[in-house]
Amino acid sequence: MKRTNIKSYHNSTDLEYRQYNEALIQTETQDQIILHFFKKYPTLKLSRYQLLDMLIESRLIQFNTQSSSIGRSLNTLMRKGYVSKLNDSIVERYGRKNYLWCLSKLNPEFHYDNGHLKND
């Protein structure tokens, strides 16, 4: 799998240098896990809670990962052009509406053949 360089951790809590680097590595890894998951299942359209549950069930992330952390990763990947936020939404936990996300078909890094992602 080609490694994509994605770094997004904002030191808003004045972490020391070592702790900051560990947090940066962890968030980069989570972004990579989510991107790889969407590449593996390119037709899925998931809310952040659905994605969180699937990643935990697949043992790709820790069971105590917060949904807000998944939301941060999705927004980072969207800004980089890797995933798209759809206009479709579903009502989930706490009776709140959550938008669905999918792999972006606009990113030139991905190669599609008749609408299907070709694995490199």
N, C-alpha and C. Protein backbone atom coordinates (compact mmCIF):
# COMPACT_ATOMS: atom_id res chain seq x y z
N MET A 1 0.84 -1.17 0.00
CA MET A 1 0.00 0.00 0.00
C MET A 1 0.89 1.24 0.00
N LYS A 2 0.62 2.16 -0.88
CA LYS A 2 1.36 3.41 -0.95
C LYS A 2 0.99 4.26 0.25
N ARG A 3 2.00 4.74 0.97
CA ARG A 3 1.78 5.55 2.16
C ARG A 3 1.57 7.01 1.76
N THR A 4 0.46 7.57 2.21
CA THR A 4 0.14 8.95 1.93
C THR A 4 0.52 9.79 3.15
N ASN A 5 1.21 10.89 2.95
CA ASN A 5 1.64 11.72 4.05
C ASN A 5 0.51 12.64 4.49
N ILE A 6 -0.05 12.34 5.66
CA ILE A 6 -1.12 13.13 6.23
C ILE A 6 -0.75 13.40 7.69
N LYS A 7 -0.60 14.66 8.04
CA LYS A 7 -0.30 15.00 9.42
C LYS A 7 -1.28 16.06 9.88
N SER A 8 -1.98 15.77 10.99
CA SER A 8 -2.90 16.77 11.50
C SER A 8 -3.12 16.54 12.98
N TYR A 9 -2.32 17.17 13.77
CA TYR A 9 -2.56 17.20 15.21
C TYR A 9 -2.23 18.60 15.66
N HIS A 10 -3.16 19.25 16.32
CA HIS A 10 -2.96 20.62 16.76
C HIS A 10 -2.68 20.61 18.25
N ASN A 11 -1.52 21.10 18.64
CA ASN A 11 -1.09 21.09 20.02
C ASN A 11 -1.81 22.17 20.82
N SER A 12 -3.08 21.95 21.10
CA SER A 12 -3.89 22.94 21.80
C SER A 12 -3.83 22.76 23.31
N THR A 13 -3.12 21.73 23.80
CA THR A 13 -3.05 21.47 25.24
C THR A 13 -1.62 21.58 25.76
N ASP A 14 -0.75 22.23 25.02
CA ASP A 14 0.64 22.46 25.43
C ASP A 14 1.36 21.17 25.82
N LEU A 15 1.27 20.18 24.97
CA LEU A 15 1.99 18.93 25.22
C LEU A 15 3.49 19.16 25.09
N GLU A 16 4.25 18.41 25.87
CA GLU A 16 5.69 18.46 25.72
C GLU A 16 6.06 17.84 24.39
N TYR A 17 7.28 18.09 23.92
CA TYR A 17 7.73 17.66 22.60
C TYR A 17 7.52 16.17 22.36
N ARG A 18 7.92 15.32 23.31
CA ARG A 18 7.80 13.87 23.15
C ARG A 18 6.33 13.47 23.05
N GLN A 19 5.50 14.01 23.93
CA GLN A 19 4.07 13.70 23.91
C GLN A 19 3.42 14.20 22.62
N TYR A 20 3.83 15.36 22.17
CA TYR A 20 3.31 15.92 20.92
C TYR A 20 3.63 15.01 19.75
N ASN A 21 4.87 14.53 19.67
CA ASN A 21 5.26 13.63 18.58
C ASN A 21 4.48 12.33 18.62
N GLU A 22 4.25 11.79 19.81
CA GLU A 22 3.45 10.57 19.94
C GLU A 22 2.02 10.81 19.47
N ALA A 23 1.44 11.93 19.84
CA ALA A 23 0.07 12.26 19.42
C ALA A 23 0.01 12.46 17.92
N LEU A 24 1.03 13.09 17.35
CA LEU A 24 1.08 13.30 15.90
C LEU A 24 1.14 11.97 15.17
N ILE A 25 1.97 11.05 15.63
CA ILE A 25 2.09 9.72 15.01
C ILE A 25 0.77 8.98 15.11
N GLN A 26 0.11 9.07 16.28
CA GLN A 26 -1.16 8.37 16.47
C GLN A 26 -2.23 8.91 15.53
N THR A 27 -2.34 10.22 15.37
CA THR A 27 -3.37 10.76 14.48
C THR A 27 -3.07 10.45 13.03
N GLU A 28 -1.78 10.49 12.66
CA GLU A 28 -1.43 10.14 11.29
C GLU A 28 -1.81 8.70 11.01
N THR A 29 -1.55 7.82 11.98
CA THR A 29 -1.90 6.41 11.82
C THR A 29 -3.40 6.24 11.69
N GLN A 30 -4.19 6.95 12.50
CA GLN A 30 -5.65 6.83 12.42
C GLN A 30 -6.16 7.31 11.07
N ASP A 31 -5.62 8.42 10.58
CA ASP A 31 -6.01 8.91 9.26
C ASP A 31 -5.69 7.87 8.20
N GLN A 32 -4.52 7.24 8.30
CA GLN A 32 -4.12 6.22 7.34
C GLN A 32 -5.03 4.99 7.42
N ILE A 33 -5.40 4.60 8.62
CA ILE A 33 -6.29 3.44 8.81
C ILE A 33 -7.64 3.72 8.14
N ILE A 34 -8.18 4.90 8.36
CA ILE A 34 -9.49 5.25 7.78
C ILE A 34 -9.40 5.31 6.27
N LEU A 35 -8.36 5.93 5.75
CA LEU A 35 -8.20 6.00 4.30
C LEU A 35 -8.07 4.60 3.70
N HIS A 36 -7.26 3.76 4.32
CA HIS A 36 -7.09 2.39 3.82
C HIS A 36 -8.42 1.63 3.87
N PHE A 37 -9.20 1.83 4.93
CA PHE A 37 -10.49 1.17 5.07
C PHE A 37 -11.42 1.57 3.92
N PHE A 38 -11.49 2.87 3.63
CA PHE A 38 -12.34 3.32 2.53
C PHE A 38 -11.81 2.83 1.18
N LYS A 39 -10.50 2.74 1.02
CA LYS A 39 -9.95 2.21 -0.24
C LYS A 39 -10.29 0.73 -0.40
N LYS A 40 -10.29 0.01 0.72
CA LYS A 40 -10.61 -1.43 0.68
C LYS A 40 -12.09 -1.65 0.36
N TYR A 41 -12.94 -0.75 0.82
CA TYR A 41 -14.39 -0.85 0.61
C TYR A 41 -14.87 0.45 -0.06
N PRO A 42 -14.52 0.65 -1.32
CA PRO A 42 -14.75 1.95 -1.98
C PRO A 42 -16.21 2.32 -2.22
N THR A 43 -17.13 1.39 -2.09
CA THR A 43 -18.54 1.72 -2.33
C THR A 43 -19.30 2.04 -1.04
N LEU A 44 -18.65 1.90 0.12
CA LEU A 44 -19.32 2.15 1.38
C LEU A 44 -19.61 3.63 1.57
N LYS A 45 -20.77 3.90 2.17
CA LYS A 45 -21.16 5.25 2.59
C LYS A 45 -21.51 5.13 4.06
N LEU A 46 -20.69 5.75 4.91
CA LEU A 46 -20.81 5.55 6.35
C LEU A 46 -20.84 6.87 7.11
N SER A 47 -21.57 6.86 8.23
CA SER A 47 -21.48 7.97 9.16
C SER A 47 -20.23 7.76 10.02
N ARG A 48 -19.87 8.77 10.79
CA ARG A 48 -18.68 8.59 11.63
C ARG A 48 -18.90 7.52 12.69
N TYR A 49 -20.14 7.39 13.20
CA TYR A 49 -20.42 6.34 14.18
C TYR A 49 -20.37 4.95 13.54
N GLN A 50 -20.91 4.82 12.34
CA GLN A 50 -20.83 3.53 11.64
C GLN A 50 -19.38 3.16 11.38
N LEU A 51 -18.59 4.15 10.93
CA LEU A 51 -17.18 3.92 10.67
C LEU A 51 -16.46 3.53 11.95
N LEU A 52 -16.72 4.25 13.03
CA LEU A 52 -16.11 3.94 14.32
C LEU A 52 -16.42 2.51 14.74
N ASP A 53 -17.68 2.11 14.67
CA ASP A 53 -18.07 0.75 15.05
C ASP A 53 -17.39 -0.30 14.18
N MET A 54 -17.31 -0.05 12.87
CA MET A 54 -16.68 -1.03 11.97
C MET A 54 -15.18 -1.14 12.23
N LEU A 55 -14.53 -0.02 12.51
CA LEU A 55 -13.09 -0.05 12.78
C LEU A 55 -12.79 -0.75 14.10
N ILE A 56 -13.64 -0.53 15.10
CA ILE A 56 -13.46 -1.23 16.38
C ILE A 56 -13.72 -2.72 16.21
N GLU A 57 -14.80 -3.06 15.52
CA GLU A 57 -15.13 -4.46 15.29
C GLU A 57 -14.03 -5.18 14.51
N SER A 58 -13.40 -4.46 13.59
CA SER A 58 -12.31 -5.04 12.80
C SER A 58 -10.98 -5.02 13.55
N ARG A 59 -10.99 -4.45 14.75
CA ARG A 59 -9.79 -4.33 15.59
C ARG A 59 -8.70 -3.49 14.95
N LEU A 60 -9.13 -2.51 14.17
CA LEU A 60 -8.17 -1.61 13.54
C LEU A 60 -7.86 -0.40 14.41
N ILE A 61 -8.77 -0.09 15.34
CA ILE A 61 -8.53 0.98 16.30
C ILE A 61 -8.97 0.49 17.68
N GLN A 62 -8.57 1.22 18.71
CA GLN A 62 -8.91 0.83 20.08
C GLN A 62 -10.38 1.08 20.37
N PHE A 63 -10.93 0.25 21.26
CA PHE A 63 -12.35 0.32 21.57
C PHE A 63 -12.74 1.62 22.26
N ASN A 64 -11.79 2.33 22.85
CA ASN A 64 -12.11 3.57 23.55
C ASN A 64 -11.89 4.82 22.69
N THR A 65 -11.73 4.64 21.39
CA THR A 65 -11.58 5.77 20.47
C THR A 65 -12.88 6.57 20.44
N GLN A 66 -12.77 7.88 20.52
CA GLN A 66 -13.94 8.75 20.54
C GLN A 66 -14.44 9.04 19.12
N SER A 67 -15.74 9.20 18.99
CA SER A 67 -16.31 9.53 17.67
C SER A 67 -15.81 10.88 17.18
N SER A 68 -15.51 11.79 18.09
CA SER A 68 -14.98 13.09 17.68
C SER A 68 -13.61 12.95 17.02
N SER A 69 -12.85 11.95 17.44
CA SER A 69 -11.54 11.69 16.83
C SER A 69 -11.71 11.18 15.40
N ILE A 70 -12.73 10.35 15.20
CA ILE A 70 -13.03 9.86 13.85
C ILE A 70 -13.50 11.03 12.98
N GLY A 71 -14.33 11.91 13.55
CA GLY A 71 -14.77 13.09 12.82
C GLY A 71 -13.61 13.98 12.41
N ARG A 72 -12.62 14.14 13.28
CA ARG A 72 -11.44 14.93 12.95
C ARG A 72 -10.69 14.31 11.80
N SER A 73 -10.51 13.00 11.84
CA SER A 73 -9.82 12.31 10.75
C SER A 73 -10.58 12.45 9.44
N LEU A 74 -11.89 12.31 9.48
CA LEU A 74 -12.69 12.45 8.26
C LEU A 74 -12.55 13.86 7.68
N ASN A 75 -12.57 14.87 8.53
CA ASN A 75 -12.41 16.24 8.05
C ASN A 75 -11.02 16.47 7.46
N THR A 76 -10.01 15.90 8.09
CA THR A 76 -8.65 16.01 7.56
C THR A 76 -8.56 15.37 6.18
N LEU A 77 -9.11 14.16 6.06
CA LEU A 77 -9.08 13.43 4.79
C LEU A 77 -9.92 14.16 3.73
N MET A 78 -11.01 14.81 4.15
CA MET A 78 -11.82 15.57 3.20
C MET A 78 -11.03 16.79 2.69
N ARG A 79 -10.36 17.50 3.59
CA ARG A 79 -9.57 18.66 3.16
C ARG A 79 -8.45 18.26 2.20
N LYS A 80 -7.93 17.04 2.35
CA LYS A 80 -6.88 16.54 1.47
C LYS A 80 -7.45 15.96 0.18
N GLY A 81 -8.78 15.81 0.10
CA GLY A 81 -9.42 15.31 -1.11
C GLY A 81 -9.55 13.80 -1.18
N TYR A 82 -9.36 13.11 -0.06
CA TYR A 82 -9.42 11.64 -0.08
C TYR A 82 -10.81 11.09 0.17
N VAL A 83 -11.62 11.78 0.97
CA VAL A 83 -12.99 11.34 1.21
C VAL A 83 -13.93 12.51 0.94
N SER A 84 -15.19 12.19 0.73
CA SER A 84 -16.21 13.21 0.48
C SER A 84 -17.32 13.09 1.52
N LYS A 85 -17.80 14.25 1.96
CA LYS A 85 -18.95 14.32 2.84
C LYS A 85 -20.18 14.44 1.94
N LEU A 86 -21.10 13.52 2.09
CA LEU A 86 -22.29 13.50 1.25
C LEU A 86 -23.39 14.37 1.85
N ASN A 87 -24.37 14.71 1.05
CA ASN A 87 -25.53 15.44 1.55
C ASN A 87 -26.49 14.52 2.29
N ASP A 88 -26.34 13.21 2.11
CA ASP A 88 -27.18 12.22 2.77
C ASP A 88 -26.81 12.14 4.25
N SER A 89 -27.81 11.94 5.10
CA SER A 89 -27.56 11.81 6.53
C SER A 89 -28.52 10.79 7.13
N ILE A 90 -28.17 10.33 8.32
CA ILE A 90 -29.03 9.41 9.06
C ILE A 90 -29.09 9.90 10.51
N VAL A 91 -30.19 9.57 11.20
CA VAL A 91 -30.32 9.90 12.61
C VAL A 91 -29.73 8.75 13.40
N GLU A 92 -28.82 9.09 14.29
CA GLU A 92 -28.11 8.05 15.05
C GLU A 92 -28.15 8.35 16.54
N ARG A 93 -27.05 8.04 17.20
CA ARG A 93 -26.93 8.21 18.65
C ARG A 93 -27.36 9.60 19.07
N TYR A 94 -28.00 9.62 20.22
CA TYR A 94 -28.46 10.87 20.82
C TYR A 94 -29.49 11.59 19.95
N GLY A 95 -30.09 10.88 18.97
CA GLY A 95 -31.10 11.46 18.11
C GLY A 95 -30.59 12.54 17.18
N ARG A 96 -29.29 12.54 16.93
CA ARG A 96 -28.68 13.57 16.09
C ARG A 96 -28.46 13.08 14.68
N LYS A 97 -28.56 14.03 13.76
CA LYS A 97 -28.34 13.74 12.35
C LYS A 97 -26.83 13.71 12.09
N ASN A 98 -26.38 12.67 11.39
CA ASN A 98 -24.97 12.56 11.02
C ASN A 98 -24.86 12.32 9.52
N TYR A 99 -23.97 13.06 8.91
CA TYR A 99 -23.76 12.93 7.47
C TYR A 99 -22.98 11.66 7.14
N LEU A 100 -23.17 11.20 5.92
CA LEU A 100 -22.46 10.03 5.43
C LEU A 100 -21.20 10.47 4.69
N TRP A 101 -20.20 9.61 4.70
CA TRP A 101 -18.90 9.87 4.08
C TRP A 101 -18.56 8.72 3.15
N CYS A 102 -17.80 9.01 2.11
CA CYS A 102 -17.37 7.96 1.17
C CYS A 102 -16.00 8.33 0.60
N LEU A 103 -15.39 7.38 -0.06
CA LEU A 103 -14.13 7.63 -0.74
C LEU A 103 -14.38 8.61 -1.87
N SER A 104 -13.52 9.59 -2.01
CA SER A 104 -13.69 10.61 -3.05
C SER A 104 -13.30 10.06 -4.41
N LYS A 105 -14.15 10.26 -5.38
CA LYS A 105 -13.84 9.84 -6.74
C LYS A 105 -13.12 10.94 -7.51
N LEU A 106 -12.93 12.09 -6.86
CA LEU A 106 -12.30 13.22 -7.53
C LEU A 106 -10.78 13.23 -7.37
N ASN A 107 -10.26 12.44 -6.44
CA ASN A 107 -8.83 12.47 -6.20
C ASN A 107 -8.08 11.77 -7.33
N PRO A 108 -7.14 12.46 -7.97
CA PRO A 108 -6.43 11.86 -9.10
C PRO A 108 -5.52 10.69 -8.71
N GLU A 109 -5.24 10.55 -7.40
CA GLU A 109 -4.42 9.43 -6.95
C GLU A 109 -5.13 8.09 -7.13
N PHE A 110 -6.46 8.11 -7.11
CA PHE A 110 -7.24 6.89 -7.23
C PHE A 110 -7.56 6.64 -8.69
N HIS A 111 -7.49 5.41 -9.09
CA HIS A 111 -7.75 5.03 -10.48
C HIS A 111 -9.04 4.24 -10.54
N TYR A 112 -9.98 4.74 -11.31
CA TYR A 112 -11.28 4.10 -11.43
C TYR A 112 -11.47 3.51 -12.81
N ASP A 113 -12.18 2.39 -12.84
CA ASP A 113 -12.54 1.74 -14.08
C ASP A 113 -14.04 1.47 -14.00
N ASN A 114 -14.82 2.16 -14.81
CA ASN A 114 -16.29 2.04 -14.80
C ASN A 114 -16.86 2.25 -13.40
N GLY A 115 -16.34 3.25 -12.69
CA GLY A 115 -16.87 3.59 -11.37
C GLY A 115 -16.32 2.75 -10.23
N HIS A 116 -15.44 1.80 -10.51
CA HIS A 116 -14.88 0.95 -9.47
C HIS A 116 -13.41 1.28 -9.27
N LEU A 117 -13.00 1.35 -8.01
CA LEU A 117 -11.61 1.63 -7.69
C LEU A 117 -10.74 0.45 -8.07
N LYS A 118 -9.69 0.73 -8.84
CA LYS A 118 -8.75 -0.32 -9.21
C LYS A 118 -7.65 -0.34 -8.16
N ASN A 119 -7.38 -1.50 -7.58
CA ASN A 119 -6.32 -1.64 -6.60
C ASN A 119 -4.98 -1.69 -7.28
N ASP A 120 -4.07 -0.82 -6.80
CA ASP A 120 -2.73 -0.79 -7.38
C ASP A 120 -1.82 -1.79 -6.71
